[in-house]
Amino acid sequence: MIRGLIIGKFLPVHKGHLGLISFAARQCDELIVSMSDAPADPIGVKLRLAWLRKLTTFWPNVRVASLKDDFDRQDLPLQERTKIWARVINKTYGQIDKVFSSEAYGEWFARNLGAINVEFDRLRKMFPVSATLIRNEPFRHWDFIPDEVRPYFVKRVCFYGPESTGKSMAAVRMAERYNTVSVPEVAREMITSNKFTVEEIIRIGQAQTERVLEYSKIANKILFCDTDLIITQIYSRHYLGVVPEILVELEKKVSYDHYFFFDIDIPWIDDGLRDLKNERESMRAIFLNELNKRQIKYTLVNGSFEHRDQIVIDTINKILI
């Protein structure tokens, strides 16, 4: 029985890692994929384990595990440093016959384990990528990120502002331009007038949150969201005189990478649901105050529809670099 080992941080797991795992799994009866877990890791251990386990179900002989990284000595040369690794690995997993890696440590690590070193794509010709490159510039290396991992790097942007400022159509246009999806103002699917109850506004908040989380899984690099839970709270306070605590909690469940504040300097359009034509200035102040209270930075979107689109496009292009 041949037991193989792959070690790594998988920050995040990418297609180069999966190529290595596939290569190694074909040569082992059992392959241990050991993910190191350190407090300073920029991506949590639970999420990385979930990714790895889901992505390796194709190989029944692969065993995914995590190991607390509290023993490494980066100040030592590889020969001595990997001796420490080897002691911990032997104690944790038992005898290892083959070590698979694309890194310089492989030779010394295998030797200290009493195992065979098997290199894979050391020069990164098959998979010219690394986890560091992906973390620093995910969109430049998007093709190397597995579908299961991509939602972590999706940028959510919120189109924010009072009614009749062009948010809804802009979200649709931008989603089409960037070949992705947009989240509508879900309230419009659930109510036909501004006479609603506390129970209804809670359901609206829940549905809006669920839709954003759901669409984040299928978005292509960026997700355009028409409204957020701050807006839901504003309208709850305006029409009902109260903000249910659950709306405040739901706000915390979704974060946005960028806010666009859509200004009121375009004609007001009556669509049968809007009724605040005479309160546009006061609502504008309320909307801005909520952003300022939370210290949320935003890009002001104003002017003609063409000018508004260009403001959004220029900002999004910088985000996607």
Protein backbone atom coordinates (compact mmCIF):
# COMPACT_ATOMS: atom_id res chain seq x y z
CA MET A 1 0.00 0.00 0.00
CA ILE A 2 1.45 3.34 -1.10
CA ARG A 3 0.63 6.37 1.04
CA GLY A 4 1.22 9.79 -0.47
CA LEU A 5 1.27 13.28 1.01
CA ILE A 6 0.61 16.79 -0.22
CA ILE A 7 0.98 19.72 2.16
CA GLY A 8 -0.03 23.32 1.68
CA LYS A 9 -1.98 26.31 2.87
CA PHE A 10 -4.39 26.35 -0.09
CA LEU A 11 -4.96 30.11 0.22
CA PRO A 12 -7.00 29.49 -1.90
CA VAL A 13 -7.09 26.08 -3.54
CA HIS A 14 -6.68 26.61 -7.30
CA LYS A 15 -6.49 24.52 -10.45
CA GLY A 16 -2.74 24.05 -10.06
CA HIS A 17 -3.41 22.37 -6.70
CA LEU A 18 -6.08 20.19 -8.29
CA GLY A 19 -3.66 19.20 -11.05
CA LEU A 20 -1.14 18.18 -8.40
CA ILE A 21 -3.77 16.20 -6.47
CA SER A 22 -4.92 14.41 -9.63
CA PHE A 23 -1.32 13.58 -10.53
CA ALA A 24 -0.60 12.22 -7.04
CA ALA A 25 -3.89 10.36 -6.56
CA ARG A 26 -3.13 8.17 -9.59
CA GLN A 27 0.08 6.99 -7.92
CA CYS A 28 -1.21 6.20 -4.42
CA ASP A 29 -3.55 3.87 -2.63
CA GLU A 30 -4.13 6.65 -0.13
CA LEU A 31 -3.28 10.31 -0.61
CA ILE A 32 -3.31 12.65 2.37
CA VAL A 33 -3.86 16.32 1.53
CA SER A 34 -2.78 18.16 4.68
CA MET A 35 -3.78 21.79 4.96
CA SER A 36 -1.83 23.89 7.45
CA ASP A 37 -3.85 26.17 9.68
CA ALA A 38 -2.28 29.30 11.20
CA PRO A 39 -4.05 32.19 12.98
CA ALA A 40 -2.70 34.77 10.53
CA ASP A 41 -4.04 32.99 7.44
CA PRO A 42 -6.11 35.46 5.38
CA ILE A 43 -8.77 32.82 4.57
CA GLY A 44 -10.36 30.83 7.38
CA VAL A 45 -9.63 27.15 7.87
CA LYS A 46 -13.27 26.02 7.73
CA LEU A 47 -13.85 27.60 4.34
CA ARG A 48 -10.61 26.23 2.88
CA LEU A 49 -11.42 22.74 4.18
CA ALA A 50 -14.89 22.92 2.68
CA TRP A 51 -13.42 23.89 -0.68
CA LEU A 52 -10.85 21.11 -0.60
CA ARG A 53 -13.29 18.42 0.45
CA LYS A 54 -15.82 19.38 -2.19
CA LEU A 55 -13.20 19.62 -4.94
CA THR A 56 -11.58 16.25 -4.11
CA THR A 57 -14.70 14.07 -3.95
CA PHE A 58 -13.78 12.86 -7.45
CA TRP A 59 -10.84 10.93 -5.96
CA PRO A 60 -12.05 8.32 -3.42
CA ASN A 61 -8.51 7.65 -2.20
CA VAL A 62 -7.91 11.27 -1.17
CA ARG A 63 -8.13 12.17 2.51
CA VAL A 64 -8.30 15.87 3.36
CA ALA A 65 -7.14 16.97 6.80
CA SER A 66 -6.00 20.12 8.58
CA LEU A 67 -3.00 20.54 10.85
CA LYS A 68 -2.29 23.37 13.28
CA ASP A 69 0.77 25.25 12.04
CA ASP A 70 2.40 26.07 15.36
CA PHE A 71 5.65 24.19 14.85
CA ASP A 72 7.30 25.72 11.79
CA ARG A 73 10.66 27.51 12.10
CA GLN A 74 11.04 29.82 9.14
CA ASP A 75 14.40 31.05 10.46
CA LEU A 76 16.00 27.65 9.80
CA PRO A 77 17.42 26.36 6.49
CA LEU A 78 15.16 23.92 4.63
CA GLN A 79 17.19 20.90 5.71
CA GLU A 80 16.58 21.61 9.41
CA ARG A 81 13.18 23.19 8.97
CA THR A 82 11.76 20.14 7.20
CA LYS A 83 13.07 17.83 9.93
CA ILE A 84 10.57 19.50 12.25
CA TRP A 85 7.82 19.08 9.67
CA ALA A 86 8.70 15.42 9.24
CA ARG A 87 8.46 14.68 12.98
CA VAL A 88 5.01 16.27 13.18
CA ILE A 89 3.77 14.60 10.00
CA ASN A 90 4.95 11.14 11.09
CA LYS A 91 3.29 11.58 14.48
CA THR A 92 0.05 12.81 12.89
CA TYR A 93 -0.34 10.61 9.81
CA GLY A 94 2.09 7.72 10.20
CA GLN A 95 4.34 6.36 7.49
CA ILE A 96 4.48 8.33 4.21
CA ASP A 97 5.93 6.73 1.08
CA LYS A 98 5.76 9.60 -1.43
CA VAL A 99 5.78 13.38 -1.11
CA PHE A 100 4.24 15.32 -4.00
CA SER A 101 4.96 19.00 -4.46
CA SER A 102 5.84 21.82 -6.84
CA GLU A 103 8.08 23.54 -4.35
CA ALA A 104 11.77 23.64 -3.42
CA TYR A 105 11.14 22.07 -0.02
CA GLY A 106 10.07 18.75 -1.57
CA GLU A 107 13.48 17.08 -1.75
CA TRP A 108 14.54 17.76 1.85
CA PHE A 109 11.07 17.14 3.24
CA ALA A 110 10.81 13.74 1.53
CA ARG A 111 14.31 12.79 2.63
CA ASN A 112 13.53 13.63 6.25
CA LEU A 113 10.33 11.61 6.04
CA GLY A 114 12.14 8.64 4.53
CA ALA A 115 9.94 9.02 1.47
CA ILE A 116 10.33 9.51 -2.28
CA ASN A 117 10.10 13.05 -3.61
CA VAL A 118 7.86 13.38 -6.68
CA GLU A 119 7.85 16.78 -8.37
CA PHE A 120 4.95 18.18 -10.38
CA ASP A 121 5.08 21.20 -12.70
CA ARG A 122 7.98 22.75 -10.77
CA LEU A 123 8.49 25.42 -13.43
CA ARG A 124 4.73 26.24 -13.49
CA LYS A 125 4.44 25.66 -17.22
CA MET A 126 1.15 23.76 -16.96
CA PHE A 127 -0.34 26.01 -14.29
CA PRO A 128 1.37 29.43 -14.33
CA VAL A 129 -0.30 30.59 -11.14
CA SER A 130 0.05 30.66 -7.37
CA ALA A 131 -2.29 31.29 -4.45
CA THR A 132 -0.49 34.58 -3.76
CA LEU A 133 -1.06 35.78 -7.32
CA ILE A 134 -4.74 34.88 -7.06
CA ARG A 135 -5.17 36.69 -3.74
CA ASN A 136 -3.43 39.80 -5.09
CA GLU A 137 -5.06 39.86 -8.53
CA PRO A 138 -7.95 37.36 -8.66
CA PHE A 139 -9.46 38.68 -11.87
CA ARG A 140 -6.21 38.40 -13.82
CA HIS A 141 -6.11 34.72 -12.86
CA TRP A 142 -9.83 34.01 -12.89
CA ASP A 143 -9.51 30.98 -15.18
CA PHE A 144 -7.36 29.21 -12.58
CA ILE A 145 -9.93 29.63 -9.80
CA PRO A 146 -12.36 26.70 -9.43
CA ASP A 147 -16.07 27.50 -9.65
CA GLU A 148 -16.54 26.59 -5.99
CA VAL A 149 -13.94 29.17 -4.93
CA ARG A 150 -14.89 32.05 -7.23
CA PRO A 151 -17.73 33.42 -5.03
CA TYR A 152 -15.16 34.30 -2.38
CA PHE A 153 -13.54 36.77 -4.79
CA VAL A 154 -16.71 38.16 -6.37
CA LYS A 155 -16.98 41.91 -5.80
CA ARG A 156 -20.42 43.08 -4.70
CA VAL A 157 -21.40 46.62 -5.59
CA CYS A 158 -24.52 48.37 -4.32
CA PHE A 159 -26.55 50.85 -6.33
CA TYR A 160 -27.88 53.04 -3.56
CA GLY A 161 -30.12 56.08 -3.40
CA PRO A 162 -33.70 57.35 -3.24
CA GLU A 163 -36.45 56.22 -5.58
CA SER A 164 -36.49 57.17 -9.26
CA THR A 165 -32.76 57.74 -9.65
CA GLY A 166 -32.12 55.07 -12.28
CA LYS A 167 -30.65 52.35 -10.05
CA SER A 168 -32.71 49.43 -11.33
CA MET A 169 -32.08 49.86 -15.04
CA ALA A 170 -28.43 50.73 -14.44
CA ALA A 171 -27.95 47.44 -12.56
CA VAL A 172 -29.42 45.53 -15.49
CA ARG A 173 -27.32 47.40 -18.05
CA MET A 174 -24.11 46.92 -16.11
CA ALA A 175 -24.77 43.21 -15.60
CA GLU A 176 -25.20 42.82 -19.35
CA ARG A 177 -22.05 44.82 -20.06
CA TYR A 178 -19.90 42.76 -17.69
CA ASN A 179 -21.51 39.40 -18.52
CA THR A 180 -22.73 38.81 -15.00
CA VAL A 181 -25.96 38.98 -12.99
CA SER A 182 -27.74 41.66 -10.99
CA VAL A 183 -29.92 41.51 -7.91
CA PRO A 184 -33.17 43.47 -8.28
CA GLU A 185 -35.07 45.32 -5.58
CA VAL A 186 -36.91 42.25 -4.35
CA ALA A 187 -39.60 44.34 -2.62
CA ARG A 188 -41.11 45.05 -6.02
CA GLU A 189 -41.78 41.34 -6.45
CA MET A 190 -43.52 41.14 -3.08
CA ILE A 191 -45.67 44.26 -2.67
CA THR A 192 -47.93 46.32 -4.96
CA SER A 193 -48.30 49.40 -2.75
CA ASN A 194 -46.54 51.19 0.06
CA LYS A 195 -49.08 49.95 2.57
CA PHE A 196 -47.25 47.04 4.15
CA THR A 197 -46.82 45.57 7.60
CA VAL A 198 -43.82 44.97 9.85
CA GLU A 199 -44.06 41.26 9.03
CA GLU A 200 -43.96 42.06 5.32
CA ILE A 201 -40.93 44.36 5.59
CA ILE A 202 -39.12 41.62 7.52
CA ARG A 203 -39.88 39.13 4.75
CA ILE A 204 -38.64 41.65 2.20
CA GLY A 205 -35.36 42.08 4.11
CA GLN A 206 -34.89 38.32 4.36
CA ALA A 207 -35.62 37.81 0.67
CA GLN A 208 -33.26 40.62 -0.37
CA THR A 209 -30.45 39.11 1.71
CA GLU A 210 -31.04 35.59 0.41
CA ARG A 211 -31.07 36.80 -3.19
CA VAL A 212 -27.71 38.57 -2.81
CA LEU A 213 -26.11 35.49 -1.22
CA GLU A 214 -27.61 33.22 -3.86
CA TYR A 215 -26.52 35.37 -6.82
CA SER A 216 -23.03 35.78 -5.36
CA LYS A 217 -22.52 32.10 -6.15
CA ILE A 218 -23.19 32.53 -9.86
CA ALA A 219 -21.84 36.03 -10.52
CA ASN A 220 -18.97 36.50 -12.95
CA LYS A 221 -16.38 38.51 -11.01
CA ILE A 222 -18.82 41.24 -10.00
CA LEU A 223 -22.39 41.38 -8.69
CA PHE A 224 -24.56 44.46 -9.16
CA CYS A 225 -27.15 44.93 -6.42
CA ASP A 226 -30.09 47.30 -6.73
CA THR A 227 -30.69 48.28 -3.07
CA ASP A 228 -29.45 46.92 0.25
CA LEU A 229 -30.70 46.45 3.79
CA ILE A 230 -29.94 50.08 4.69
CA ILE A 231 -32.54 51.13 2.13
CA THR A 232 -34.98 48.58 3.52
CA GLN A 233 -34.49 50.09 6.97
CA ILE A 234 -35.00 53.63 5.65
CA TYR A 235 -38.34 52.74 4.07
CA SER A 236 -39.38 50.75 7.13
CA ARG A 237 -38.77 53.81 9.31
CA HIS A 238 -40.48 56.13 6.82
CA TYR A 239 -43.67 54.12 6.26
CA LEU A 240 -43.97 52.18 9.53
CA GLY A 241 -42.18 54.41 12.02
CA VAL A 242 -40.06 51.48 13.21
CA VAL A 243 -37.03 49.43 12.15
CA PRO A 244 -37.30 45.79 13.26
CA GLU A 245 -34.05 44.61 14.86
CA ILE A 246 -33.83 41.71 12.43
CA LEU A 247 -33.26 44.18 9.56
CA VAL A 248 -30.20 45.49 11.39
CA GLU A 249 -28.94 41.93 11.83
CA LEU A 250 -29.60 41.09 8.19
CA GLU A 251 -27.54 44.12 7.14
CA LYS A 252 -24.51 42.52 8.81
CA LYS A 253 -24.84 39.35 6.74
CA VAL A 254 -23.91 41.00 3.44
CA SER A 255 -20.97 43.30 2.81
CA TYR A 256 -20.42 45.37 -0.30
CA ASP A 257 -17.09 46.23 -1.85
CA HIS A 258 -18.29 49.51 -3.31
CA TYR A 259 -21.28 51.83 -3.07
CA PHE A 260 -22.64 54.06 -5.82
CA PHE A 261 -24.92 56.84 -4.63
CA PHE A 262 -27.43 57.71 -7.36
CA ASP A 263 -28.35 61.38 -7.12
CA ILE A 264 -31.79 62.93 -7.69
CA ASP A 265 -30.80 65.24 -10.58
CA ILE A 266 -32.89 63.38 -13.17
CA PRO A 267 -36.66 63.65 -13.73
CA TRP A 268 -38.89 61.80 -11.27
CA ILE A 269 -40.93 59.05 -12.96
CA ASP A 270 -44.21 57.75 -11.55
CA ASP A 271 -44.39 53.96 -11.80
CA GLY A 272 -47.41 53.37 -9.60
CA LEU A 273 -45.39 52.51 -6.50
CA ARG A 274 -43.29 55.62 -6.01
CA ASP A 275 -44.95 58.33 -3.94
CA LEU A 276 -42.16 60.54 -2.61
CA LYS A 277 -41.86 63.02 -5.46
CA ASN A 278 -42.26 65.99 -3.11
CA GLU A 279 -39.74 64.61 -0.61
CA ARG A 280 -36.79 63.95 -2.89
CA GLU A 281 -34.46 66.43 -1.20
CA SER A 282 -35.24 65.24 2.32
CA MET A 283 -34.93 61.58 1.30
CA ARG A 284 -31.61 62.34 -0.36
CA ALA A 285 -30.36 63.77 2.94
CA ILE A 286 -31.62 60.73 4.85
CA PHE A 287 -29.93 58.29 2.46
CA LEU A 288 -26.62 60.14 2.64
CA ASN A 289 -26.82 60.41 6.41
CA GLU A 290 -27.14 56.63 6.74
CA LEU A 291 -23.97 56.12 4.70
CA ASN A 292 -22.09 58.74 6.67
CA LYS A 293 -23.18 57.24 10.01
CA ARG A 294 -21.65 53.94 8.92
CA GLN A 295 -18.58 55.67 7.45
CA ILE A 296 -19.29 54.03 4.09
CA LYS A 297 -17.42 55.61 1.20
CA TYR A 298 -19.27 55.95 -2.08
CA THR A 299 -19.02 57.17 -5.64
CA LEU A 300 -21.52 59.87 -6.58
CA VAL A 301 -23.49 59.07 -9.74
CA ASN A 302 -25.16 62.09 -11.31
CA GLY A 303 -25.83 63.89 -14.58
CA SER A 304 -27.38 62.40 -17.71
CA PHE A 305 -27.99 58.68 -18.00
CA GLU A 306 -24.99 58.39 -20.31
CA HIS A 307 -22.80 60.27 -17.84
CA ARG A 308 -24.05 58.09 -14.98
CA ASP A 309 -23.20 54.92 -16.86
CA GLN A 310 -19.72 56.21 -17.62
CA ILE A 311 -19.08 57.00 -13.95
CA VAL A 312 -20.01 53.45 -13.03
CA ILE A 313 -18.02 51.90 -15.88
CA ASP A 314 -14.85 53.86 -15.06
CA THR A 315 -15.04 52.78 -11.41
CA ILE A 316 -15.85 49.14 -12.14
CA ASN A 317 -12.97 48.87 -14.60
CA LYS A 318 -10.60 49.92 -11.82
CA ILE A 319 -12.14 47.38 -9.43
CA LEU A 320 -11.68 44.58 -11.94
CA ILE A 321 -7.98 45.19 -12.57
